[in-house]
N, C-alpha and C. Protein backbone atom coordinates (compact mmCIF):
# COMPACT_ATOMS: atom_id res chain seq x y z
N MET A 1 -38.22 -34.03 12.30
CA MET A 1 -38.61 -34.87 13.40
C MET A 1 -38.40 -34.11 14.69
N ALA A 2 -39.39 -33.97 15.50
CA ALA A 2 -39.26 -33.29 16.78
C ALA A 2 -38.65 -34.26 17.79
N LEU A 3 -37.56 -33.85 18.43
CA LEU A 3 -36.88 -34.69 19.40
C LEU A 3 -37.35 -34.35 20.80
N THR A 4 -37.45 -35.38 21.65
CA THR A 4 -37.73 -35.14 23.06
C THR A 4 -36.47 -34.59 23.71
N MET A 5 -36.60 -34.04 24.90
CA MET A 5 -35.42 -33.51 25.60
C MET A 5 -34.38 -34.61 25.81
N LYS A 6 -34.82 -35.82 26.14
CA LYS A 6 -33.90 -36.92 26.35
C LYS A 6 -33.16 -37.25 25.05
N GLU A 7 -33.89 -37.26 23.92
CA GLU A 7 -33.26 -37.53 22.64
C GLU A 7 -32.28 -36.43 22.27
N LYS A 8 -32.64 -35.17 22.52
CA LYS A 8 -31.74 -34.07 22.21
C LYS A 8 -30.45 -34.19 22.98
N ALA A 9 -30.53 -34.60 24.22
CA ALA A 9 -29.34 -34.73 25.05
C ALA A 9 -28.41 -35.81 24.52
N LEU A 10 -28.96 -36.81 23.84
CA LEU A 10 -28.15 -37.92 23.34
C LEU A 10 -27.77 -37.77 21.87
N ALA A 11 -28.24 -36.72 21.22
CA ALA A 11 -28.00 -36.55 19.78
C ALA A 11 -26.54 -36.16 19.53
N ARG A 12 -25.97 -36.77 18.51
CA ARG A 12 -24.64 -36.40 18.03
C ARG A 12 -24.79 -36.13 16.54
N THR A 13 -24.07 -35.15 16.03
CA THR A 13 -24.24 -34.80 14.62
C THR A 13 -22.92 -34.92 13.87
N ASP A 14 -22.43 -36.13 13.75
CA ASP A 14 -21.16 -36.36 13.06
C ASP A 14 -21.23 -37.67 12.30
N ARG A 15 -21.60 -37.60 11.00
CA ARG A 15 -21.71 -38.81 10.20
C ARG A 15 -20.36 -39.52 10.09
N ALA A 16 -19.27 -38.78 10.24
CA ALA A 16 -17.93 -39.39 10.19
C ALA A 16 -17.76 -40.41 11.31
N ALA A 17 -18.53 -40.28 12.37
CA ALA A 17 -18.44 -41.22 13.48
C ALA A 17 -19.22 -42.51 13.22
N TRP A 18 -20.04 -42.53 12.16
CA TRP A 18 -20.80 -43.73 11.84
C TRP A 18 -19.84 -44.85 11.42
N PRO A 19 -20.15 -46.09 11.75
CA PRO A 19 -19.36 -47.20 11.21
C PRO A 19 -19.41 -47.17 9.68
N PRO A 20 -18.33 -47.53 9.00
CA PRO A 20 -18.32 -47.50 7.53
C PRO A 20 -19.47 -48.29 6.90
N SER A 21 -19.87 -49.41 7.51
CA SER A 21 -20.97 -50.20 6.94
C SER A 21 -22.28 -49.42 6.99
N VAL A 22 -22.49 -48.61 8.02
CA VAL A 22 -23.70 -47.81 8.13
C VAL A 22 -23.69 -46.71 7.07
N THR A 23 -22.55 -46.08 6.88
CA THR A 23 -22.43 -45.03 5.85
C THR A 23 -22.70 -45.60 4.46
N ARG A 24 -22.15 -46.77 4.17
CA ARG A 24 -22.39 -47.41 2.86
C ARG A 24 -23.87 -47.73 2.69
N GLU A 25 -24.48 -48.28 3.74
CA GLU A 25 -25.90 -48.62 3.64
C GLU A 25 -26.74 -47.38 3.43
N PHE A 26 -26.41 -46.29 4.10
CA PHE A 26 -27.15 -45.03 3.91
C PHE A 26 -27.12 -44.65 2.44
N GLN A 27 -25.95 -44.69 1.81
CA GLN A 27 -25.84 -44.32 0.40
C GLN A 27 -26.66 -45.23 -0.50
N GLN A 28 -26.72 -46.51 -0.18
CA GLN A 28 -27.42 -47.49 -1.01
C GLN A 28 -28.93 -47.49 -0.81
N ARG A 29 -29.40 -47.20 0.40
CA ARG A 29 -30.81 -47.42 0.72
C ARG A 29 -31.57 -46.15 1.07
N GLN A 30 -31.01 -44.98 0.85
CA GLN A 30 -31.65 -43.76 1.30
C GLN A 30 -32.98 -43.44 0.60
N PHE A 31 -33.30 -44.16 -0.47
CA PHE A 31 -34.59 -43.95 -1.14
C PHE A 31 -35.53 -45.15 -0.95
N ASN A 32 -35.22 -46.00 0.01
CA ASN A 32 -36.03 -47.17 0.33
C ASN A 32 -37.37 -46.72 0.94
N GLY A 33 -38.47 -47.13 0.34
CA GLY A 33 -39.79 -46.75 0.81
C GLY A 33 -40.42 -47.71 1.81
N CYS A 34 -39.72 -48.77 2.17
CA CYS A 34 -40.24 -49.74 3.14
C CYS A 34 -39.93 -49.23 4.54
N VAL A 35 -40.91 -48.59 5.18
CA VAL A 35 -40.69 -47.94 6.47
C VAL A 35 -40.93 -48.88 7.64
N GLY A 36 -41.05 -50.16 7.38
CA GLY A 36 -41.24 -51.15 8.42
C GLY A 36 -40.60 -52.46 8.01
N SER A 37 -40.58 -53.40 8.93
CA SER A 37 -40.04 -54.73 8.64
C SER A 37 -41.01 -55.55 7.81
N ARG A 38 -42.31 -55.32 8.03
CA ARG A 38 -43.35 -56.10 7.34
C ARG A 38 -44.56 -55.22 7.10
N LEU A 39 -45.06 -55.23 5.88
CA LEU A 39 -46.29 -54.51 5.54
C LEU A 39 -47.47 -55.39 5.94
N LEU A 40 -48.25 -54.93 6.90
CA LEU A 40 -49.37 -55.72 7.42
C LEU A 40 -50.63 -55.55 6.58
N SER A 41 -50.86 -54.33 6.09
CA SER A 41 -52.09 -54.03 5.38
C SER A 41 -51.88 -52.80 4.52
N GLN A 42 -52.64 -52.76 3.40
CA GLN A 42 -52.57 -51.61 2.51
C GLN A 42 -53.90 -51.48 1.78
N ASP A 43 -54.39 -50.25 1.67
CA ASP A 43 -55.53 -49.98 0.82
C ASP A 43 -55.27 -48.67 0.10
N ASP A 44 -56.29 -48.04 -0.43
CA ASP A 44 -56.06 -46.81 -1.19
C ASP A 44 -55.79 -45.61 -0.30
N ARG A 45 -55.91 -45.76 1.03
CA ARG A 45 -55.68 -44.63 1.95
C ARG A 45 -54.46 -44.77 2.84
N VAL A 46 -54.14 -46.01 3.27
CA VAL A 46 -53.06 -46.19 4.25
C VAL A 46 -52.21 -47.42 3.94
N ARG A 47 -50.98 -47.38 4.48
CA ARG A 47 -50.12 -48.55 4.59
C ARG A 47 -49.86 -48.75 6.08
N VAL A 48 -50.05 -49.97 6.56
CA VAL A 48 -49.81 -50.29 7.97
C VAL A 48 -48.61 -51.22 8.04
N TRP A 49 -47.58 -50.76 8.76
CA TRP A 49 -46.31 -51.49 8.87
C TRP A 49 -46.08 -51.96 10.29
N GLU A 50 -45.30 -53.03 10.41
CA GLU A 50 -44.82 -53.50 11.70
C GLU A 50 -43.30 -53.45 11.68
N ILE A 51 -42.73 -53.05 12.80
CA ILE A 51 -41.29 -53.18 13.03
C ILE A 51 -41.16 -54.05 14.27
N ARG A 52 -40.43 -55.14 14.14
CA ARG A 52 -40.23 -56.08 15.25
C ARG A 52 -38.74 -56.39 15.29
N LEU A 53 -38.07 -55.91 16.35
CA LEU A 53 -36.61 -56.05 16.45
C LEU A 53 -36.22 -56.72 17.77
N ARG A 54 -35.49 -57.81 17.67
CA ARG A 54 -34.91 -58.42 18.87
C ARG A 54 -33.73 -57.56 19.32
N PRO A 55 -33.27 -57.72 20.56
CA PRO A 55 -32.11 -56.94 21.01
C PRO A 55 -30.94 -57.07 20.03
N GLY A 56 -30.37 -55.94 19.66
CA GLY A 56 -29.25 -55.91 18.73
C GLY A 56 -29.64 -55.87 17.27
N GLU A 57 -30.90 -56.14 16.93
CA GLU A 57 -31.34 -56.09 15.53
C GLU A 57 -31.65 -54.66 15.13
N ARG A 58 -31.59 -54.42 13.82
CA ARG A 58 -31.93 -53.10 13.30
C ARG A 58 -32.66 -53.24 11.98
N ILE A 59 -33.48 -52.24 11.70
CA ILE A 59 -34.10 -52.10 10.39
C ILE A 59 -33.24 -51.06 9.67
N GLY A 60 -32.91 -51.37 8.42
CA GLY A 60 -32.02 -50.50 7.67
C GLY A 60 -32.64 -49.17 7.30
N PHE A 61 -31.85 -48.37 6.61
CA PHE A 61 -32.30 -47.03 6.24
C PHE A 61 -33.53 -47.08 5.35
N HIS A 62 -34.41 -46.13 5.60
CA HIS A 62 -35.63 -45.98 4.82
C HIS A 62 -36.02 -44.50 4.84
N ARG A 63 -36.83 -44.11 3.88
CA ARG A 63 -37.21 -42.70 3.70
C ARG A 63 -38.69 -42.52 3.99
N HIS A 64 -38.99 -41.56 4.85
CA HIS A 64 -40.37 -41.16 5.12
C HIS A 64 -40.67 -39.91 4.30
N VAL A 65 -41.72 -39.96 3.48
CA VAL A 65 -42.17 -38.80 2.71
C VAL A 65 -43.65 -38.52 2.96
N LEU A 66 -44.34 -39.49 3.54
CA LEU A 66 -45.78 -39.39 3.79
C LEU A 66 -46.05 -39.01 5.24
N ASP A 67 -47.17 -38.35 5.48
CA ASP A 67 -47.63 -38.14 6.85
C ASP A 67 -47.85 -39.53 7.45
N TYR A 68 -47.51 -39.68 8.73
CA TYR A 68 -47.66 -40.99 9.36
C TYR A 68 -47.68 -40.83 10.87
N PHE A 69 -48.02 -41.93 11.53
CA PHE A 69 -47.80 -42.00 12.97
C PHE A 69 -47.25 -43.36 13.30
N TRP A 70 -46.52 -43.42 14.39
CA TRP A 70 -46.05 -44.69 14.92
C TRP A 70 -46.49 -44.83 16.35
N THR A 71 -46.67 -46.07 16.78
CA THR A 71 -46.99 -46.39 18.16
C THR A 71 -46.03 -47.48 18.62
N ALA A 72 -45.41 -47.28 19.77
CA ALA A 72 -44.58 -48.32 20.38
C ALA A 72 -45.52 -49.34 21.03
N VAL A 73 -45.46 -50.56 20.57
CA VAL A 73 -46.29 -51.62 21.12
C VAL A 73 -45.66 -52.15 22.41
N THR A 74 -44.33 -52.16 22.46
CA THR A 74 -43.59 -52.59 23.63
C THR A 74 -42.67 -51.46 24.08
N PRO A 75 -42.25 -51.46 25.34
CA PRO A 75 -41.27 -50.46 25.77
C PRO A 75 -39.88 -50.89 25.30
N GLY A 76 -38.96 -49.93 25.25
CA GLY A 76 -37.60 -50.28 24.90
C GLY A 76 -36.73 -49.09 24.59
N ARG A 77 -35.53 -49.39 24.12
CA ARG A 77 -34.55 -48.37 23.76
C ARG A 77 -34.09 -48.62 22.33
N ALA A 78 -33.84 -47.52 21.62
CA ALA A 78 -33.41 -47.64 20.22
C ALA A 78 -32.44 -46.53 19.87
N ARG A 79 -31.66 -46.79 18.81
CA ARG A 79 -30.74 -45.81 18.25
C ARG A 79 -31.08 -45.64 16.78
N SER A 80 -31.05 -44.39 16.31
CA SER A 80 -31.28 -44.08 14.90
C SER A 80 -30.16 -43.19 14.39
N HIS A 81 -29.76 -43.46 13.16
CA HIS A 81 -28.86 -42.57 12.41
C HIS A 81 -29.75 -41.81 11.44
N LEU A 82 -29.63 -40.48 11.42
CA LEU A 82 -30.47 -39.63 10.58
C LEU A 82 -29.66 -39.00 9.45
N GLN A 83 -30.38 -38.59 8.38
CA GLN A 83 -29.72 -38.08 7.18
C GLN A 83 -28.85 -36.87 7.42
N ASP A 84 -29.08 -36.13 8.50
CA ASP A 84 -28.26 -34.94 8.78
C ASP A 84 -26.95 -35.30 9.47
N GLY A 85 -26.70 -36.59 9.68
CA GLY A 85 -25.47 -37.04 10.33
C GLY A 85 -25.63 -37.28 11.82
N SER A 86 -26.80 -36.94 12.37
CA SER A 86 -26.98 -37.14 13.80
C SER A 86 -27.26 -38.61 14.11
N THR A 87 -26.89 -38.98 15.32
CA THR A 87 -27.20 -40.28 15.89
C THR A 87 -27.99 -40.00 17.15
N VAL A 88 -29.18 -40.59 17.25
CA VAL A 88 -30.10 -40.29 18.34
C VAL A 88 -30.47 -41.59 19.04
N GLU A 89 -30.46 -41.55 20.36
CA GLU A 89 -30.94 -42.68 21.16
C GLU A 89 -32.18 -42.23 21.91
N GLY A 90 -33.15 -43.14 22.02
CA GLY A 90 -34.38 -42.80 22.71
C GLY A 90 -34.93 -43.97 23.47
N GLU A 91 -35.73 -43.66 24.47
CA GLU A 91 -36.47 -44.67 25.24
C GLU A 91 -37.94 -44.53 24.90
N TYR A 92 -38.62 -45.65 24.77
CA TYR A 92 -40.02 -45.66 24.37
C TYR A 92 -40.85 -46.43 25.38
N GLU A 93 -42.03 -45.94 25.65
CA GLU A 93 -42.97 -46.61 26.53
C GLU A 93 -44.04 -47.28 25.67
N ALA A 94 -44.57 -48.42 26.13
CA ALA A 94 -45.66 -49.07 25.41
C ALA A 94 -46.82 -48.09 25.30
N GLY A 95 -47.36 -47.94 24.10
CA GLY A 95 -48.47 -47.04 23.85
C GLY A 95 -48.04 -45.64 23.43
N GLU A 96 -46.76 -45.31 23.57
CA GLU A 96 -46.27 -43.99 23.13
C GLU A 96 -46.49 -43.86 21.63
N THR A 97 -47.03 -42.72 21.23
CA THR A 97 -47.36 -42.49 19.82
C THR A 97 -46.85 -41.13 19.41
N ARG A 98 -46.34 -41.05 18.18
CA ARG A 98 -45.89 -39.77 17.64
C ARG A 98 -46.40 -39.63 16.21
N HIS A 99 -46.91 -38.45 15.88
CA HIS A 99 -47.40 -38.13 14.54
C HIS A 99 -46.36 -37.26 13.84
N GLU A 100 -46.12 -37.53 12.56
CA GLU A 100 -45.17 -36.75 11.78
C GLU A 100 -45.82 -36.35 10.47
N ARG A 101 -45.53 -35.11 10.04
CA ARG A 101 -46.08 -34.57 8.78
C ARG A 101 -44.93 -34.05 7.93
N TYR A 102 -45.10 -34.20 6.63
CA TYR A 102 -44.09 -33.73 5.68
C TYR A 102 -44.76 -32.91 4.59
N GLY A 103 -44.26 -31.70 4.39
CA GLY A 103 -44.73 -30.86 3.31
C GLY A 103 -44.11 -31.28 2.00
N PRO A 104 -44.49 -30.62 0.91
CA PRO A 104 -43.94 -30.96 -0.41
C PRO A 104 -42.41 -30.94 -0.39
N GLY A 105 -41.81 -32.04 -0.81
CA GLY A 105 -40.36 -32.16 -0.89
C GLY A 105 -39.68 -32.47 0.43
N GLU A 106 -40.40 -32.50 1.53
CA GLU A 106 -39.78 -32.80 2.83
C GLU A 106 -39.72 -34.31 3.04
N PHE A 107 -38.75 -34.74 3.83
CA PHE A 107 -38.57 -36.17 4.09
C PHE A 107 -37.67 -36.37 5.30
N LYS A 108 -37.61 -37.60 5.76
CA LYS A 108 -36.66 -38.03 6.79
C LYS A 108 -36.12 -39.39 6.37
N VAL A 109 -34.81 -39.56 6.48
CA VAL A 109 -34.17 -40.85 6.24
C VAL A 109 -33.51 -41.27 7.56
N HIS A 110 -33.77 -42.50 7.97
CA HIS A 110 -33.15 -43.02 9.20
C HIS A 110 -33.19 -44.54 9.22
N ASP A 111 -32.44 -45.09 10.16
CA ASP A 111 -32.51 -46.51 10.47
C ASP A 111 -33.01 -46.63 11.91
N LEU A 112 -33.12 -47.83 12.43
CA LEU A 112 -33.56 -48.02 13.81
C LEU A 112 -32.94 -49.31 14.32
N GLU A 113 -32.23 -49.21 15.44
CA GLU A 113 -31.58 -50.36 16.06
C GLU A 113 -32.08 -50.52 17.49
N ASN A 114 -32.45 -51.74 17.85
CA ASN A 114 -32.87 -52.03 19.21
C ASN A 114 -31.62 -52.15 20.08
N ILE A 115 -31.43 -51.20 21.00
CA ILE A 115 -30.28 -51.24 21.90
C ILE A 115 -30.72 -51.62 23.32
N GLY A 116 -31.94 -52.12 23.44
CA GLY A 116 -32.46 -52.55 24.73
C GLY A 116 -32.26 -54.04 24.94
N SER A 117 -32.88 -54.54 26.00
CA SER A 117 -32.70 -55.94 26.39
C SER A 117 -33.91 -56.82 26.07
N GLN A 118 -34.95 -56.24 25.45
CA GLN A 118 -36.13 -57.03 25.09
C GLN A 118 -36.59 -56.65 23.69
N GLU A 119 -37.46 -57.48 23.12
CA GLU A 119 -37.97 -57.21 21.77
C GLU A 119 -38.65 -55.84 21.73
N LEU A 120 -38.41 -55.12 20.65
CA LEU A 120 -38.99 -53.79 20.45
C LEU A 120 -39.93 -53.88 19.26
N VAL A 121 -41.19 -53.46 19.47
CA VAL A 121 -42.21 -53.58 18.42
C VAL A 121 -42.89 -52.22 18.25
N PHE A 122 -43.00 -51.80 16.99
CA PHE A 122 -43.71 -50.58 16.63
C PHE A 122 -44.73 -50.90 15.55
N THR A 123 -45.82 -50.15 15.52
CA THR A 123 -46.75 -50.14 14.40
C THR A 123 -46.68 -48.75 13.80
N THR A 124 -46.56 -48.68 12.48
CA THR A 124 -46.49 -47.41 11.76
C THR A 124 -47.59 -47.37 10.71
N VAL A 125 -48.32 -46.27 10.67
CA VAL A 125 -49.39 -46.09 9.69
C VAL A 125 -49.07 -44.88 8.83
N GLU A 126 -48.89 -45.11 7.51
CA GLU A 126 -48.63 -44.03 6.56
C GLU A 126 -49.93 -43.66 5.86
N PHE A 127 -50.11 -42.35 5.65
CA PHE A 127 -51.28 -41.85 4.94
C PHE A 127 -50.90 -41.56 3.49
N LEU A 128 -51.47 -42.32 2.56
CA LEU A 128 -51.07 -42.24 1.15
C LEU A 128 -51.48 -40.92 0.50
N ASN A 129 -52.51 -40.26 1.02
CA ASN A 129 -52.95 -38.98 0.49
C ASN A 129 -52.26 -37.85 1.25
N SER A 130 -50.95 -37.74 1.08
CA SER A 130 -50.14 -36.73 1.76
C SER A 130 -49.61 -35.75 0.73
N ALA A 131 -48.81 -34.80 1.17
CA ALA A 131 -48.28 -33.77 0.28
C ALA A 131 -47.32 -34.33 -0.76
N ASN A 132 -46.70 -35.47 -0.47
CA ASN A 132 -45.75 -36.10 -1.39
C ASN A 132 -46.31 -37.40 -1.93
N LYS A 133 -45.88 -37.76 -3.10
CA LYS A 133 -46.27 -39.02 -3.72
C LYS A 133 -45.64 -40.17 -2.94
N PRO A 134 -46.39 -41.25 -2.70
CA PRO A 134 -45.81 -42.41 -2.01
C PRO A 134 -44.62 -42.97 -2.77
N LEU A 135 -43.61 -43.41 -2.03
CA LEU A 135 -42.48 -44.08 -2.66
C LEU A 135 -42.88 -45.48 -3.06
N GLU A 136 -42.25 -45.95 -4.09
CA GLU A 136 -42.50 -47.32 -4.54
C GLU A 136 -41.98 -48.31 -3.50
N ILE A 137 -42.70 -49.40 -3.34
CA ILE A 137 -42.21 -50.52 -2.54
C ILE A 137 -42.24 -51.75 -3.43
N PRO A 138 -41.36 -52.71 -3.18
CA PRO A 138 -41.33 -53.90 -4.03
C PRO A 138 -42.70 -54.58 -4.11
N GLU A 139 -43.06 -55.02 -5.30
CA GLU A 139 -44.38 -55.62 -5.51
C GLU A 139 -44.60 -56.83 -4.61
N ALA A 140 -43.55 -57.61 -4.35
CA ALA A 140 -43.68 -58.79 -3.49
C ALA A 140 -44.12 -58.39 -2.08
N ILE A 141 -43.65 -57.26 -1.60
CA ILE A 141 -44.02 -56.78 -0.26
C ILE A 141 -45.47 -56.28 -0.29
N ALA A 142 -45.81 -55.50 -1.30
CA ALA A 142 -47.16 -54.97 -1.42
C ALA A 142 -48.19 -56.08 -1.59
N THR A 143 -47.87 -57.06 -2.41
CA THR A 143 -48.79 -58.17 -2.67
C THR A 143 -49.01 -59.02 -1.43
N ALA A 144 -47.97 -59.19 -0.63
CA ALA A 144 -48.08 -60.01 0.59
C ALA A 144 -49.07 -59.41 1.58
N ALA A 145 -49.29 -58.10 1.54
CA ALA A 145 -50.19 -57.43 2.49
C ALA A 145 -51.63 -57.39 2.02
N GLU A 146 -51.90 -57.80 0.80
CA GLU A 146 -53.27 -57.71 0.27
C GLU A 146 -54.10 -58.91 0.67
């Protein structure tokens, strides 16, 4: 994941500093393929996810293995814990978009917490025809998007 200068300045790389509950959740959910709060749509080419977090809410750990992009629908601030032990805080503007690509065997595991004062909303689009096989998602989630 390419960090902005602001994110780099706020990055810390010490998993020991994570709250014990976050460390436990990382161990339990690091292979979670649900990269959003709600799957909006899915076909043979893409999965479209929504993340909608009120202030103080977070989406738990999940693993990105597919090429994807996200767009911030609303402005806000968020904190993520990453698999390398870093904790990153960032500010997002409405319409800000970032594309991420993963080669064979590459991935990113992280969570996302809204540390701002207003609802934070992202749309994420995963491309199923990527270098890695899509991770399984629970059938109830996949069926709800059809």
